[in-house]
Amino acid sequence: MSPTKAFRSYLPSTVLVLSFATSVFAPLQASAKVSDSWLGAGSEDPLIRLAVTPVNIRIEAPTPLTGNNLELLLALSATNGGLGELRKQASREFSQHLDQQVQNRFGEFFDDERVHLVDSRAPLTLRTDFDVVIRQTIVDIFSGKDYDLEKGTMTAYGKFHYRLQGGADGPVLREATVDIADLDLRARYATRAPKDGGLVEDTTREATERLLAEIAEEVLDRIEDDLEADELLKLARK
């Protein structure tokens, strides 16, 4: 038996409860067209206008446990709606976070490229879809006198797809897919559970949000050559 397996076999029940609570609250899923607030962004002195649709986002990720007593979390899991509402709230928050990161990074890029973003009446329309999966991997579990500690990594998977169409419903002129696993994005997390039933300290949320921000940045890096103003002008003239 490996040292890690041997160590885990002697862990007290509190750690097992922590692991159970983590599994109960994961994964969460979100599917939403979150916002159109990036409309009007981009250059005020444009070379070209580009219509953009709301970012389509689906996220599957662990639900954060921060600030909740483990006994309360387990009690909620047995009620009608308690667990579901926590999942829905986390889903909305993660979707909004990714949407905002996309708006910020793509908006700055289009501003530099002198591309003005609108919602209609443009020669091209950009549609973007994120299907993101965040997985946890436990690296270490420690049981101390006063608390139990779980450490691990969060890894990003999934797909990003975009397509450029002529007009609002015209033919697809260009499209591409980015495999998020190829970006090799990881973040560390830790969950600390006091043995006196106090509040759980969990950095799952922060780790997930860091990964979502990196996804938005890395995806843009992969496709920005296709979205430069000169390239858009060439497509618009076809």
C-alpha atoms as a PDB file:
ATOM      1  CA  MET A   1       0.000   0.000   0.000  1.00  0.00           C
ATOM      2  CA  SER A   2       1.313   3.449  -0.893  1.00  0.00           C
ATOM      3  CA  PRO A   3       2.112   5.945   1.937  1.00  0.00           C
ATOM      4  CA  THR A   4      -0.752   8.168   0.762  1.00  0.00           C
ATOM      5  CA  LYS A   5      -3.299   5.339   0.832  1.00  0.00           C
ATOM      6  CA  ALA A   6      -2.025   4.139   4.168  1.00  0.00           C
ATOM      7  CA  PHE A   7      -2.289   7.632   5.625  1.00  0.00           C
ATOM      8  CA  ARG A   8      -5.847   8.095   4.353  1.00  0.00           C
ATOM      9  CA  SER A   9      -6.962   4.803   5.857  1.00  0.00           C
ATOM     10  CA  TYR A  10      -6.256   6.209   9.328  1.00  0.00           C
ATOM     11  CA  LEU A  11      -7.968   9.550   8.827  1.00  0.00           C
ATOM     12  CA  PRO A  12     -10.749  10.407  11.299  1.00  0.00           C
ATOM     13  CA  SER A  13     -14.378  10.655  10.252  1.00  0.00           C
ATOM     14  CA  THR A  14     -14.246  14.460   9.983  1.00  0.00           C
ATOM     15  CA  VAL A  15     -12.065  14.232   6.887  1.00  0.00           C
ATOM     16  CA  LEU A  16     -14.444  11.685   5.410  1.00  0.00           C
ATOM     17  CA  VAL A  17     -17.315  14.076   6.047  1.00  0.00           C
ATOM     18  CA  LEU A  18     -15.356  16.830   4.313  1.00  0.00           C
ATOM     19  CA  SER A  19     -14.753  14.641   1.282  1.00  0.00           C
ATOM     20  CA  PHE A  20     -18.421  13.650   1.206  1.00  0.00           C
ATOM     21  CA  ALA A  21     -19.552  17.259   1.410  1.00  0.00           C
ATOM     22  CA  THR A  22     -17.226  18.175  -1.429  1.00  0.00           C
ATOM     23  CA  SER A  23     -18.658  15.437  -3.613  1.00  0.00           C
ATOM     24  CA  VAL A  24     -22.223  16.381  -2.749  1.00  0.00           C
ATOM     25  CA  PHE A  25     -21.675  19.924  -3.926  1.00  0.00           C
ATOM     26  CA  ALA A  26     -19.907  19.070  -7.170  1.00  0.00           C
ATOM     27  CA  PRO A  27     -20.318  19.489  -9.996  1.00  0.00           C
ATOM     28  CA  LEU A  28     -22.513  22.484 -10.709  1.00  0.00           C
ATOM     29  CA  GLN A  29     -23.667  23.378 -14.171  1.00  0.00           C
ATOM     30  CA  ALA A  30     -24.572  26.708 -15.725  1.00  0.00           C
ATOM     31  CA  SER A  31     -25.855  27.439 -19.177  1.00  0.00           C
ATOM     32  CA  ALA A  32     -26.578  31.057 -19.889  1.00  0.00           C
ATOM     33  CA  LYS A  33     -26.371  33.930 -22.265  1.00  0.00           C
ATOM     34  CA  VAL A  34     -25.236  36.234 -19.559  1.00  0.00           C
ATOM     35  CA  SER A  35     -24.980  39.792 -20.765  1.00  0.00           C
ATOM     36  CA  ASP A  36     -24.914  42.145 -23.679  1.00  0.00           C
ATOM     37  CA  SER A  37     -23.105  44.906 -21.797  1.00  0.00           C
ATOM     38  CA  TRP A  38     -20.077  44.802 -24.075  1.00  0.00           C
ATOM     39  CA  LEU A  39     -22.171  46.294 -26.882  1.00  0.00           C
ATOM     40  CA  GLY A  40     -20.897  49.724 -27.788  1.00  0.00           C
ATOM     41  CA  ALA A  41     -17.388  48.780 -26.699  1.00  0.00           C
ATOM     42  CA  GLY A  42     -14.437  48.945 -29.002  1.00  0.00           C
ATOM     43  CA  SER A  43     -13.165  51.792 -31.093  1.00  0.00           C
ATOM     44  CA  GLU A  44     -15.001  55.103 -31.429  1.00  0.00           C
ATOM     45  CA  ASP A  45     -13.086  55.649 -34.675  1.00  0.00           C
ATOM     46  CA  PRO A  46     -13.681  52.262 -36.267  1.00  0.00           C
ATOM     47  CA  LEU A  47     -12.346  50.683 -39.396  1.00  0.00           C
ATOM     48  CA  ILE A  48     -15.276  48.265 -39.264  1.00  0.00           C
ATOM     49  CA  ARG A  49     -18.400  47.556 -37.222  1.00  0.00           C
ATOM     50  CA  LEU A  50     -18.888  44.067 -35.818  1.00  0.00           C
ATOM     51  CA  ALA A  51     -22.170  42.739 -34.446  1.00  0.00           C
ATOM     52  CA  VAL A  52     -21.706  40.541 -31.363  1.00  0.00           C
ATOM     53  CA  THR A  53     -24.234  38.261 -29.740  1.00  0.00           C
ATOM     54  CA  PRO A  54     -24.307  37.597 -25.972  1.00  0.00           C
ATOM     55  CA  VAL A  55     -21.637  35.114 -24.945  1.00  0.00           C
ATOM     56  CA  ASN A  56     -23.113  31.629 -24.650  1.00  0.00           C
ATOM     57  CA  ILE A  57     -21.670  29.972 -21.540  1.00  0.00           C
ATOM     58  CA  ARG A  58     -21.964  26.520 -20.025  1.00  0.00           C
ATOM     59  CA  ILE A  59     -19.893  25.761 -16.922  1.00  0.00           C
ATOM     60  CA  GLU A  60     -19.463  22.558 -14.939  1.00  0.00           C
ATOM     61  CA  ALA A  61     -17.454  23.181 -11.787  1.00  0.00           C
ATOM     62  CA  PRO A  62     -17.303  22.284  -8.077  1.00  0.00           C
ATOM     63  CA  THR A  63     -19.551  24.372  -5.854  1.00  0.00           C
ATOM     64  CA  PRO A  64     -17.549  26.413  -3.309  1.00  0.00           C
ATOM     65  CA  LEU A  65     -18.015  25.555   0.373  1.00  0.00           C
ATOM     66  CA  THR A  66     -16.629  28.817   1.778  1.00  0.00           C
ATOM     67  CA  GLY A  67     -18.264  30.128   4.905  1.00  0.00           C
ATOM     68  CA  ASN A  68     -20.637  27.217   5.504  1.00  0.00           C
ATOM     69  CA  ASN A  69     -20.689  24.824   8.412  1.00  0.00           C
ATOM     70  CA  LEU A  70     -20.247  21.258   7.148  1.00  0.00           C
ATOM     71  CA  GLU A  71     -23.198  19.993   9.175  1.00  0.00           C
ATOM     72  CA  LEU A  72     -25.361  22.719   7.639  1.00  0.00           C
ATOM     73  CA  LEU A  73     -24.200  21.824   4.145  1.00  0.00           C
ATOM     74  CA  LEU A  74     -25.055  18.178   4.681  1.00  0.00           C
ATOM     75  CA  ALA A  75     -28.435  19.145   6.119  1.00  0.00           C
ATOM     76  CA  LEU A  76     -29.166  21.311   3.086  1.00  0.00           C
ATOM     77  CA  SER A  77     -28.340  18.419   0.780  1.00  0.00           C
ATOM     78  CA  ALA A  78     -31.242  16.499   2.289  1.00  0.00           C
ATOM     79  CA  THR A  79     -33.775  19.312   1.859  1.00  0.00           C
ATOM     80  CA  ASN A  80     -35.867  20.209  -1.146  1.00  0.00           C
ATOM     81  CA  GLY A  81     -34.273  23.210  -2.818  1.00  0.00           C
ATOM     82  CA  GLY A  82     -31.546  24.141  -0.352  1.00  0.00           C
ATOM     83  CA  LEU A  83     -28.709  22.486  -2.210  1.00  0.00           C
ATOM     84  CA  GLY A  84     -30.155  23.368  -5.588  1.00  0.00           C
ATOM     85  CA  GLU A  85     -30.339  27.059  -4.752  1.00  0.00           C
ATOM     86  CA  LEU A  86     -26.690  27.133  -3.676  1.00  0.00           C
ATOM     87  CA  ARG A  87     -25.726  25.474  -6.951  1.00  0.00           C
ATOM     88  CA  LYS A  88     -27.790  27.913  -8.998  1.00  0.00           C
ATOM     89  CA  GLN A  89     -26.257  30.901  -7.254  1.00  0.00           C
ATOM     90  CA  ALA A  90     -22.727  29.615  -7.843  1.00  0.00           C
ATOM     91  CA  SER A  91     -23.625  28.862 -11.465  1.00  0.00           C
ATOM     92  CA  ARG A  92     -24.791  32.406 -12.060  1.00  0.00           C
ATOM     93  CA  GLU A  93     -21.742  33.895 -10.385  1.00  0.00           C
ATOM     94  CA  PHE A  94     -19.235  31.804 -12.361  1.00  0.00           C
ATOM     95  CA  SER A  95     -21.045  32.514 -15.627  1.00  0.00           C
ATOM     96  CA  GLN A  96     -21.066  36.231 -14.892  1.00  0.00           C
ATOM     97  CA  HIS A  97     -17.389  36.155 -14.001  1.00  0.00           C
ATOM     98  CA  LEU A  98     -16.387  34.472 -17.258  1.00  0.00           C
ATOM     99  CA  ASP A  99     -18.678  36.768 -19.237  1.00  0.00           C
ATOM    100  CA  GLN A 100     -17.058  39.829 -17.673  1.00  0.00           C
ATOM    101  CA  GLN A 101     -13.562  38.519 -18.362  1.00  0.00           C
ATOM    102  CA  VAL A 102     -14.477  37.935 -22.017  1.00  0.00           C
ATOM    103  CA  GLN A 103     -15.953  41.416 -22.304  1.00  0.00           C
ATOM    104  CA  ASN A 104     -12.855  43.024 -20.791  1.00  0.00           C
ATOM    105  CA  ARG A 105     -10.274  41.175 -22.862  1.00  0.00           C
ATOM    106  CA  PHE A 106     -12.127  41.073 -26.172  1.00  0.00           C
ATOM    107  CA  GLY A 107     -13.291  44.656 -25.678  1.00  0.00           C
ATOM    108  CA  GLU A 108      -9.734  45.922 -25.202  1.00  0.00           C
ATOM    109  CA  PHE A 109      -8.570  43.932 -28.205  1.00  0.00           C
ATOM    110  CA  PHE A 110     -11.270  45.331 -30.493  1.00  0.00           C
ATOM    111  CA  ASP A 111     -10.592  48.834 -29.252  1.00  0.00           C
ATOM    112  CA  ASP A 112      -6.918  48.472 -30.223  1.00  0.00           C
ATOM    113  CA  GLU A 113      -7.969  47.068 -33.589  1.00  0.00           C
ATOM    114  CA  ARG A 114     -10.417  49.919 -34.232  1.00  0.00           C
ATOM    115  CA  VAL A 115     -13.387  47.565 -34.391  1.00  0.00           C
ATOM    116  CA  HIS A 116     -16.676  48.937 -33.012  1.00  0.00           C
ATOM    117  CA  LEU A 117     -19.048  46.439 -31.391  1.00  0.00           C
ATOM    118  CA  VAL A 118     -22.774  46.723 -32.050  1.00  0.00           C
ATOM    119  CA  ASP A 119     -25.827  44.475 -31.800  1.00  0.00           C
ATOM    120  CA  SER A 120     -27.062  44.717 -35.394  1.00  0.00           C
ATOM    121  CA  ARG A 121     -26.626  46.267 -38.843  1.00  0.00           C
ATOM    122  CA  ALA A 122     -23.006  45.266 -39.287  1.00  0.00           C
ATOM    123  CA  PRO A 123     -21.350  43.403 -42.175  1.00  0.00           C
ATOM    124  CA  LEU A 124     -20.258  40.591 -39.833  1.00  0.00           C
ATOM    125  CA  THR A 125     -21.665  38.905 -36.731  1.00  0.00           C
ATOM    126  CA  LEU A 126     -19.516  37.198 -34.094  1.00  0.00           C
ATOM    127  CA  ARG A 127     -20.966  34.353 -32.033  1.00  0.00           C
ATOM    128  CA  THR A 128     -18.995  32.842 -29.159  1.00  0.00           C
ATOM    129  CA  ASP A 129     -19.643  29.694 -27.106  1.00  0.00           C
ATOM    130  CA  PHE A 130     -17.841  28.452 -23.997  1.00  0.00           C
ATOM    131  CA  ASP A 131     -18.339  24.913 -22.707  1.00  0.00           C
ATOM    132  CA  VAL A 132     -16.080  24.816 -19.643  1.00  0.00           C
ATOM    133  CA  VAL A 133     -15.414  21.937 -17.256  1.00  0.00           C
ATOM    134  CA  ILE A 134     -13.378  22.448 -14.064  1.00  0.00           C
ATOM    135  CA  ARG A 135     -12.164  19.316 -12.273  1.00  0.00           C
ATOM    136  CA  GLN A 136     -10.676  18.930  -8.787  1.00  0.00           C
ATOM    137  CA  THR A 137      -7.826  16.577  -8.000  1.00  0.00           C
ATOM    138  CA  ILE A 138      -6.929  15.972  -4.339  1.00  0.00           C
ATOM    139  CA  VAL A 139      -3.178  16.119  -3.794  1.00  0.00           C
ATOM    140  CA  ASP A 140      -2.961  15.866  -0.001  1.00  0.00           C
ATOM    141  CA  ILE A 141      -5.199  15.449   3.060  1.00  0.00           C
ATOM    142  CA  PHE A 142      -3.978  16.410   6.527  1.00  0.00           C
ATOM    143  CA  SER A 143      -5.717  15.865   9.844  1.00  0.00           C
ATOM    144  CA  GLY A 144      -4.528  18.148  12.614  1.00  0.00           C
ATOM    145  CA  LYS A 145      -5.596  18.593  16.211  1.00  0.00           C
ATOM    146  CA  ASP A 146      -7.998  21.434  15.467  1.00  0.00           C
ATOM    147  CA  TYR A 147      -8.789  21.115  11.766  1.00  0.00           C
ATOM    148  CA  ASP A 148      -8.696  18.936   8.677  1.00  0.00           C
ATOM    149  CA  LEU A 149      -7.036  20.235   5.530  1.00  0.00           C
ATOM    150  CA  GLU A 150      -7.497  19.183   1.925  1.00  0.00           C
ATOM    151  CA  LYS A 151      -5.199  20.492  -0.823  1.00  0.00           C
ATOM    152  CA  GLY A 152      -5.436  19.930  -4.533  1.00  0.00           C
ATOM    153  CA  THR A 153      -5.486  21.343  -8.008  1.00  0.00           C
ATOM    154  CA  MET A 154      -8.228  22.597 -10.296  1.00  0.00           C
ATOM    155  CA  THR A 155      -7.804  21.834 -14.008  1.00  0.00           C
ATOM    156  CA  ALA A 156      -9.702  23.391 -16.916  1.00  0.00           C
ATOM    157  CA  TYR A 157     -11.198  21.366 -19.769  1.00  0.00           C
ATOM    158  CA  GLY A 158     -13.869  21.930 -22.379  1.00  0.00           C
ATOM    159  CA  LYS A 159     -14.255  23.733 -25.678  1.00  0.00           C
ATOM    160  CA  PHE A 160     -14.478  27.271 -27.000  1.00  0.00           C
ATOM    161  CA  HIS A 161     -16.099  27.836 -30.383  1.00  0.00           C
ATOM    162  CA  TYR A 162     -16.574  30.981 -32.404  1.00  0.00           C
ATOM    163  CA  ARG A 163     -18.026  31.723 -35.793  1.00  0.00           C
ATOM    164  CA  LEU A 164     -18.152  34.792 -37.990  1.00  0.00           C
ATOM    165  CA  GLN A 165     -21.211  35.153 -40.180  1.00  0.00           C
ATOM    166  CA  GLY A 166     -22.048  37.552 -42.963  1.00  0.00           C
ATOM    167  CA  GLY A 167     -24.675  39.915 -41.577  1.00  0.00           C
ATOM    168  CA  ALA A 168     -27.091  38.720 -38.891  1.00  0.00           C
ATOM    169  CA  ASP A 169     -28.077  35.359 -40.366  1.00  0.00           C
ATOM    170  CA  GLY A 170     -25.776  35.044 -43.343  1.00  0.00           C
ATOM    171  CA  PRO A 171     -23.392  32.237 -44.242  1.00  0.00           C
ATOM    172  CA  VAL A 172     -20.610  31.199 -41.903  1.00  0.00           C
ATOM    173  CA  LEU A 173     -17.458  32.808 -43.236  1.00  0.00           C
ATOM    174  CA  ARG A 174     -15.024  31.590 -40.607  1.00  0.00           C
ATOM    175  CA  GLU A 175     -15.171  29.455 -37.490  1.00  0.00           C
ATOM    176  CA  ALA A 176     -12.805  27.616 -35.187  1.00  0.00           C
ATOM    177  CA  THR A 177     -12.731  25.597 -31.972  1.00  0.00           C
ATOM    178  CA  VAL A 178     -10.180  25.774 -29.170  1.00  0.00           C
ATOM    179  CA  ASP A 179      -9.692  22.710 -26.958  1.00  0.00           C
ATOM    180  CA  ILE A 180      -9.359  24.214 -23.483  1.00  0.00           C
ATOM    181  CA  ALA A 181      -7.457  21.155 -22.250  1.00  0.00           C
ATOM    182  CA  ASP A 182      -4.668  22.110 -24.678  1.00  0.00           C
ATOM    183  CA  LEU A 183      -4.217  25.381 -22.777  1.00  0.00           C
ATOM    184  CA  ASP A 184      -2.960  23.363 -19.768  1.00  0.00           C
ATOM    185  CA  LEU A 185      -4.536  25.663 -17.170  1.00  0.00           C
ATOM    186  CA  ARG A 186      -4.357  24.730 -13.478  1.00  0.00           C
ATOM    187  CA  ALA A 187      -4.863  26.440 -10.134  1.00  0.00           C
ATOM    188  CA  ARG A 188      -4.326  25.280  -6.562  1.00  0.00           C
ATOM    189  CA  TYR A 189      -7.088  25.145  -3.949  1.00  0.00           C
ATOM    190  CA  ALA A 190      -7.318  24.298  -0.252  1.00  0.00           C
ATOM    191  CA  THR A 191     -10.220  23.470   2.045  1.00  0.00           C
ATOM    192  CA  ARG A 192      -9.756  23.863   5.816  1.00  0.00           C
ATOM    193  CA  ALA A 193     -12.484  22.446   8.086  1.00  0.00           C
ATOM    194  CA  PRO A 194     -12.327  23.161  11.848  1.00  0.00           C
ATOM    195  CA  LYS A 195     -13.140  20.170  14.039  1.00  0.00           C
ATOM    196  CA  ASP A 196     -15.259  22.306  16.359  1.00  0.00           C
ATOM    197  CA  GLY A 197     -17.876  22.758  13.635  1.00  0.00           C
ATOM    198  CA  GLY A 198     -16.758  26.250  12.715  1.00  0.00           C
ATOM    199  CA  LEU A 199     -16.704  27.832   9.287  1.00  0.00           C
ATOM    200  CA  VAL A 200     -15.045  26.062   6.396  1.00  0.00           C
ATOM    201  CA  GLU A 201     -12.288  28.013   4.640  1.00  0.00           C
ATOM    202  CA  ASP A 202     -12.311  27.049   0.986  1.00  0.00           C
ATOM    203  CA  THR A 203     -10.375  28.630  -1.897  1.00  0.00           C
ATOM    204  CA  THR A 204     -12.256  26.683  -4.578  1.00  0.00           C
ATOM    205  CA  ARG A 205     -14.060  29.839  -5.733  1.00  0.00           C
ATOM    206  CA  GLU A 206     -10.868  31.874  -6.089  1.00  0.00           C
ATOM    207  CA  ALA A 207      -9.157  29.043  -7.968  1.00  0.00           C
ATOM    208  CA  THR A 208     -12.105  28.639 -10.326  1.00  0.00           C
ATOM    209  CA  GLU A 209     -12.295  32.364 -11.035  1.00  0.00           C
ATOM    210  CA  ARG A 210      -8.565  32.491 -11.781  1.00  0.00           C
ATOM    211  CA  LEU A 211      -8.993  29.668 -14.269  1.00  0.00           C
ATOM    212  CA  LEU A 212     -11.950  31.392 -15.937  1.00  0.00           C
ATOM    213  CA  ALA A 213      -9.945  34.594 -16.323  1.00  0.00           C
ATOM    214  CA  GLU A 214      -7.044  32.648 -17.826  1.00  0.00           C
ATOM    215  CA  ILE A 215      -9.401  30.847 -20.204  1.00  0.00           C
ATOM    216  CA  ALA A 216     -10.710  34.152 -21.559  1.00  0.00           C
ATOM    217  CA  GLU A 217      -7.168  35.456 -22.040  1.00  0.00           C
ATOM    218  CA  GLU A 218      -5.691  32.312 -23.576  1.00  0.00           C
ATOM    219  CA  VAL A 219      -8.617  31.748 -25.937  1.00  0.00           C
ATOM    220  CA  LEU A 220      -8.258  35.278 -27.282  1.00  0.00           C
ATOM    221  CA  ASP A 221      -4.540  34.701 -27.792  1.00  0.00           C
ATOM    222  CA  ARG A 222      -5.362  31.643 -29.916  1.00  0.00           C
ATOM    223  CA  ILE A 223      -7.847  33.389 -32.223  1.00  0.00           C
ATOM    224  CA  GLU A 224      -6.885  37.064 -32.233  1.00  0.00           C
ATOM    225  CA  ASP A 225      -5.211  36.876 -35.653  1.00  0.00           C
ATOM    226  CA  ASP A 226      -8.590  35.907 -37.140  1.00  0.00           C
ATOM    227  CA  LEU A 227     -10.310  38.866 -35.468  1.00  0.00           C
ATOM    228  CA  GLU A 228      -7.933  41.645 -36.491  1.00  0.00           C
ATOM    229  CA  ALA A 229      -9.579  44.518 -38.338  1.00  0.00           C
ATOM    230  CA  ASP A 230      -7.757  43.744 -41.604  1.00  0.00           C
ATOM    231  CA  GLU A 231      -8.992  40.146 -41.498  1.00  0.00           C
ATOM    232  CA  LEU A 232     -12.545  41.227 -40.735  1.00  0.00           C
ATOM    233  CA  LEU A 233     -12.478  43.670 -43.654  1.00  0.00           C
ATOM    234  CA  LYS A 234     -11.362  40.884 -45.990  1.00  0.00           C
ATOM    235  CA  LEU A 235     -14.223  38.675 -44.841  1.00  0.00           C
ATOM    236  CA  ALA A 236     -16.753  41.488 -45.134  1.00  0.00           C
ATOM    237  CA  ARG A 237     -15.769  42.041 -48.789  1.00  0.00           C
ATOM    238  CA  LYS A 238     -16.378  38.418 -49.791  1.00  0.00           C
END
